[in-house]
C-alpha atoms as a PDB file:
ATOM      1  CA  MET A   1     -42.931 -16.420 -25.029  1.00  0.00           C
ATOM      2  CA  LYS A   2     -41.400 -14.338 -22.538  1.00  0.00           C
ATOM      3  CA  THR A   3     -43.425 -14.556 -18.359  1.00  0.00           C
ATOM      4  CA  ASN A   4     -44.902 -12.148 -17.384  1.00  0.00           C
ATOM      5  CA  LEU A   5     -41.450 -11.791 -15.012  1.00  0.00           C
ATOM      6  CA  GLU A   6     -39.802 -10.732 -18.270  1.00  0.00           C
ATOM      7  CA  LYS A   7     -41.881  -8.480 -20.194  1.00  0.00           C
ATOM      8  CA  HIS A   8     -41.883  -6.471 -17.706  1.00  0.00           C
ATOM      9  CA  LYS A   9     -37.872  -6.882 -15.866  1.00  0.00           C
ATOM     10  CA  HIS A  10     -37.195  -3.074 -16.626  1.00  0.00           C
ATOM     11  CA  TYR A  11     -40.624  -1.580 -14.284  1.00  0.00           C
ATOM     12  CA  GLN A  12     -39.208  -4.043 -11.494  1.00  0.00           C
ATOM     13  CA  LYS A  13     -35.568  -2.397 -11.100  1.00  0.00           C
ATOM     14  CA  LYS A  14     -37.342   1.187 -12.556  1.00  0.00           C
ATOM     15  CA  SER A  15     -41.086   1.631 -10.491  1.00  0.00           C
ATOM     16  CA  ARG A  16     -40.990   4.774  -9.386  1.00  0.00           C
ATOM     17  CA  TYR A  17     -43.427   4.465  -6.390  1.00  0.00           C
ATOM     18  CA  GLN A  18     -46.523   3.130  -5.865  1.00  0.00           C
ATOM     19  CA  PHE A  19     -49.764   2.956  -4.431  1.00  0.00           C
ATOM     20  CA  CYS A  20     -51.614   0.498  -2.253  1.00  0.00           C
ATOM     21  CA  GLU A  21     -54.808  -0.845  -1.626  1.00  0.00           C
ATOM     22  CA  ILE A  22     -56.210   2.074  -2.517  1.00  0.00           C
ATOM     23  CA  PRO A  23     -59.866   1.535  -2.519  1.00  0.00           C
ATOM     24  CA  ASN A  24     -61.586  -0.216  -5.343  1.00  0.00           C
ATOM     25  CA  ASN A  25     -64.969   2.534  -5.667  1.00  0.00           C
ATOM     26  CA  GLU A  26     -66.289   5.342  -7.110  1.00  0.00           C
ATOM     27  CA  GLU A  27     -63.676   7.345  -4.911  1.00  0.00           C
ATOM     28  CA  GLY A  28     -60.401   4.998  -6.054  1.00  0.00           C
ATOM     29  CA  GLN A  29     -60.939   5.438  -9.501  1.00  0.00           C
ATOM     30  CA  GLN A  30     -61.694   8.906  -9.274  1.00  0.00           C
ATOM     31  CA  LEU A  31     -58.137   9.364  -7.487  1.00  0.00           C
ATOM     32  CA  VAL A  32     -56.910   6.473 -10.721  1.00  0.00           C
ATOM     33  CA  LYS A  33     -57.768   8.607 -12.997  1.00  0.00           C
ATOM     34  CA  LEU A  34     -56.819  12.152 -12.085  1.00  0.00           C
ATOM     35  CA  MET A  35     -53.171  10.077 -11.974  1.00  0.00           C
ATOM     36  CA  LYS A  36     -53.210   9.794 -15.287  1.00  0.00           C
ATOM     37  CA  LYS A  37     -55.102  12.990 -16.149  1.00  0.00           C
ATOM     38  CA  TYR A  38     -52.165  15.368 -14.278  1.00  0.00           C
ATOM     39  CA  LEU A  39     -49.200  12.359 -15.442  1.00  0.00           C
ATOM     40  CA  ASN A  40     -46.258  13.209 -16.933  1.00  0.00           C
ATOM     41  CA  LYS A  41     -46.686  11.393 -19.845  1.00  0.00           C
ATOM     42  CA  HIS A  42     -43.177  12.062 -22.242  1.00  0.00           C
ATOM     43  CA  ARG A  43     -41.531  10.656 -19.102  1.00  0.00           C
ATOM     44  CA  TYR A  44     -43.767   8.459 -17.146  1.00  0.00           C
ATOM     45  CA  LYS A  45     -45.565   5.708 -17.377  1.00  0.00           C
ATOM     46  CA  ILE A  46     -48.066   4.278 -15.650  1.00  0.00           C
ATOM     47  CA  ARG A  47     -50.231   1.035 -14.425  1.00  0.00           C
ATOM     48  CA  VAL A  48     -53.575   0.691 -13.185  1.00  0.00           C
ATOM     49  CA  LYS A  49     -54.166  -3.495 -11.578  1.00  0.00           C
ATOM     50  CA  GLY A  50     -56.483  -4.853  -9.332  1.00  0.00           C
ATOM     51  CA  GLN A  51     -55.788  -6.462  -5.156  1.00  0.00           C
ATOM     52  CA  TYR A  52     -56.880  -8.685  -3.689  1.00  0.00           C
ATOM     53  CA  LEU A  53     -59.587 -10.201  -5.181  1.00  0.00           C
ATOM     54  CA  ASP A  54     -62.867  -9.933  -4.277  1.00  0.00           C
ATOM     55  CA  LYS A  55     -63.828 -13.623  -2.978  1.00  0.00           C
ATOM     56  CA  GLU A  56     -67.381 -12.736  -2.256  1.00  0.00           C
ATOM     57  CA  LYS A  57     -67.623 -12.119  -6.619  1.00  0.00           C
ATOM     58  CA  HIS A  58     -65.545 -14.768  -7.323  1.00  0.00           C
ATOM     59  CA  PRO A  59     -64.782 -16.945  -5.235  1.00  0.00           C
ATOM     60  CA  ASP A  60     -63.401 -20.033  -7.108  1.00  0.00           C
ATOM     61  CA  THR A  61     -61.984 -18.161  -9.539  1.00  0.00           C
ATOM     62  CA  TYR A  62     -57.979 -18.523 -11.149  1.00  0.00           C
ATOM     63  CA  TRP A  63     -56.587 -15.541 -13.684  1.00  0.00           C
ATOM     64  CA  SER A  64     -53.026 -16.799 -14.987  1.00  0.00           C
ATOM     65  CA  LYS A  65     -52.343 -12.782 -15.383  1.00  0.00           C
ATOM     66  CA  GLY A  66     -53.921 -11.521 -12.986  1.00  0.00           C
ATOM     67  CA  ALA A  67     -57.426 -10.576 -12.098  1.00  0.00           C
ATOM     68  CA  PRO A  68     -59.600  -8.319 -13.561  1.00  0.00           C
ATOM     69  CA  ILE A  69     -59.556  -4.435 -12.334  1.00  0.00           C
ATOM     70  CA  ASP A  70     -63.350  -5.239 -11.667  1.00  0.00           C
ATOM     71  CA  SER A  71     -63.010  -8.300  -9.919  1.00  0.00           C
ATOM     72  CA  CYS A  72     -61.008  -7.091  -7.083  1.00  0.00           C
ATOM     73  CA  THR A  73     -61.477  -4.820  -3.380  1.00  0.00           C
ATOM     74  CA  HIS A  74     -58.421  -2.390  -4.235  1.00  0.00           C
ATOM     75  CA  ILE A  75     -56.449  -0.877  -7.136  1.00  0.00           C
ATOM     76  CA  ARG A  76     -52.594  -1.025  -7.161  1.00  0.00           C
ATOM     77  CA  VAL A  77     -50.630   2.213  -9.600  1.00  0.00           C
ATOM     78  CA  TYR A  78     -47.652   1.549 -10.381  1.00  0.00           C
ATOM     79  CA  ILE A  79     -45.171   4.746 -11.868  1.00  0.00           C
ATOM     80  CA  ASP A  80     -42.779   4.054 -13.848  1.00  0.00           C
ATOM     81  CA  GLU A  81     -39.898   6.110 -16.024  1.00  0.00           C
ATOM     82  CA  LYS A  82     -40.228   4.658 -19.709  1.00  0.00           C
ATOM     83  CA  PRO A  83     -37.445   3.198 -20.343  1.00  0.00           C
ATOM     84  CA  GLU A  84     -36.899   5.257 -23.950  1.00  0.00           C
ATOM     85  CA  ILE A  85     -35.986   8.482 -21.377  1.00  0.00           C
ATOM     86  CA  ALA A  86     -33.467   5.688 -18.908  1.00  0.00           C
ATOM     87  CA  ASN A  87     -31.805   4.948 -21.744  1.00  0.00           C
ATOM     88  CA  ARG A  88     -31.166   8.049 -23.068  1.00  0.00           C
ATOM     89  CA  GLN A  89     -30.174   9.497 -19.723  1.00  0.00           C
ATOM     90  CA  TRP A  90     -27.248   6.540 -18.922  1.00  0.00           C
ATOM     91  CA  HIS A  91     -26.133   7.711 -23.104  1.00  0.00           C
ATOM     92  CA  GLU A  92     -25.889  10.695 -21.621  1.00  0.00           C
ATOM     93  CA  GLN A  93     -24.069   9.525 -18.991  1.00  0.00           C
ATOM     94  CA  VAL A  94     -21.737   7.394 -20.375  1.00  0.00           C
ATOM     95  CA  ILE A  95     -21.369  10.583 -22.943  1.00  0.00           C
ATOM     96  CA  TYR A  96     -20.056  12.893 -20.618  1.00  0.00           C
ATOM     97  CA  GLY A  97     -17.785  10.642 -18.292  1.00  0.00           C
ATOM     98  CA  LEU A  98     -15.662   9.552 -21.098  1.00  0.00           C
ATOM     99  CA  ARG A  99     -15.620  13.242 -21.888  1.00  0.00           C
ATOM    100  CA  HIS A 100     -14.392  14.338 -18.827  1.00  0.00           C
ATOM    101  CA  ALA A 101     -11.445  10.834 -18.790  1.00  0.00           C
ATOM    102  CA  ARG A 102     -10.819  12.808 -22.604  1.00  0.00           C
ATOM    103  CA  VAL A 103     -10.022  16.062 -20.549  1.00  0.00           C
ATOM    104  CA  LEU A 104      -8.139  14.460 -18.204  1.00  0.00           C
ATOM    105  CA  ILE A 105      -6.317  12.899 -20.001  1.00  0.00           C
ATOM    106  CA  ASP A 106      -5.196  15.515 -22.340  1.00  0.00           C
ATOM    107  CA  THR A 107      -4.521  18.327 -19.318  1.00  0.00           C
ATOM    108  CA  ARG A 108      -2.385  14.891 -17.255  1.00  0.00           C
ATOM    109  CA  LEU A 109      -0.298  14.625 -20.857  1.00  0.00           C
ATOM    110  CA  THR A 110       0.371  18.381 -21.024  1.00  0.00           C
ATOM    111  CA  GLN A 111       0.976  18.603 -17.908  1.00  0.00           C
ATOM    112  CA  PHE A 112       3.589  15.250 -18.355  1.00  0.00           C
ATOM    113  CA  GLU A 113       4.992  17.233 -21.505  1.00  0.00           C
ATOM    114  CA  THR A 114       5.515  20.660 -20.015  1.00  0.00           C
ATOM    115  CA  LEU A 115       7.587  18.680 -16.859  1.00  0.00           C
ATOM    116  CA  LEU A 116       9.558  16.608 -19.444  1.00  0.00           C
ATOM    117  CA  GLU A 117      10.472  19.492 -21.586  1.00  0.00           C
ATOM    118  CA  GLU A 118      11.694  22.112 -17.829  1.00  0.00           C
ATOM    119  CA  GLN A 119      13.844  18.662 -17.482  1.00  0.00           C
ATOM    120  CA  GLU A 120      15.098  18.120 -20.245  1.00  0.00           C
ATOM    121  CA  ASN A 121      16.354  21.998 -20.364  1.00  0.00           C
ATOM    122  CA  ALA A 122      17.418  21.850 -17.221  1.00  0.00           C
ATOM    123  CA  SER A 123      19.681  18.947 -17.895  1.00  0.00           C
ATOM    124  CA  MET A 124      20.733  21.264 -20.957  1.00  0.00           C
ATOM    125  CA  GLY A 125      21.923  24.346 -18.894  1.00  0.00           C
ATOM    126  CA  ASN A 126      23.902  21.920 -16.511  1.00  0.00           C
ATOM    127  CA  LYS A 127      26.309  21.092 -19.455  1.00  0.00           C
END
């Protein structure tokens, strides 16, 4: 079974922005709700996590996978690029690079062939 760190490794590398220390009150929850509403869902994914466990409500409590949001005094928001979008961009960049390299090689080959023909013509003209 994958650990949480392994499961969300791509998020840590590609985290677009992080909002932290948003108060876990009505205003903070409204902010998160509006962020979710207007987020470009085609490209990004939003994750909301609790921050700073409320020690008054839960003095001796420990959660192995993170505390529930309602047990925390603050909220943290992560906006991540979806992995499939990042992978597609990487593929497009590789394809572009290969096509550019092919054009460059074809150009150099043509230049070399032209130079070779000119040298052969020049050597024939000297005889």
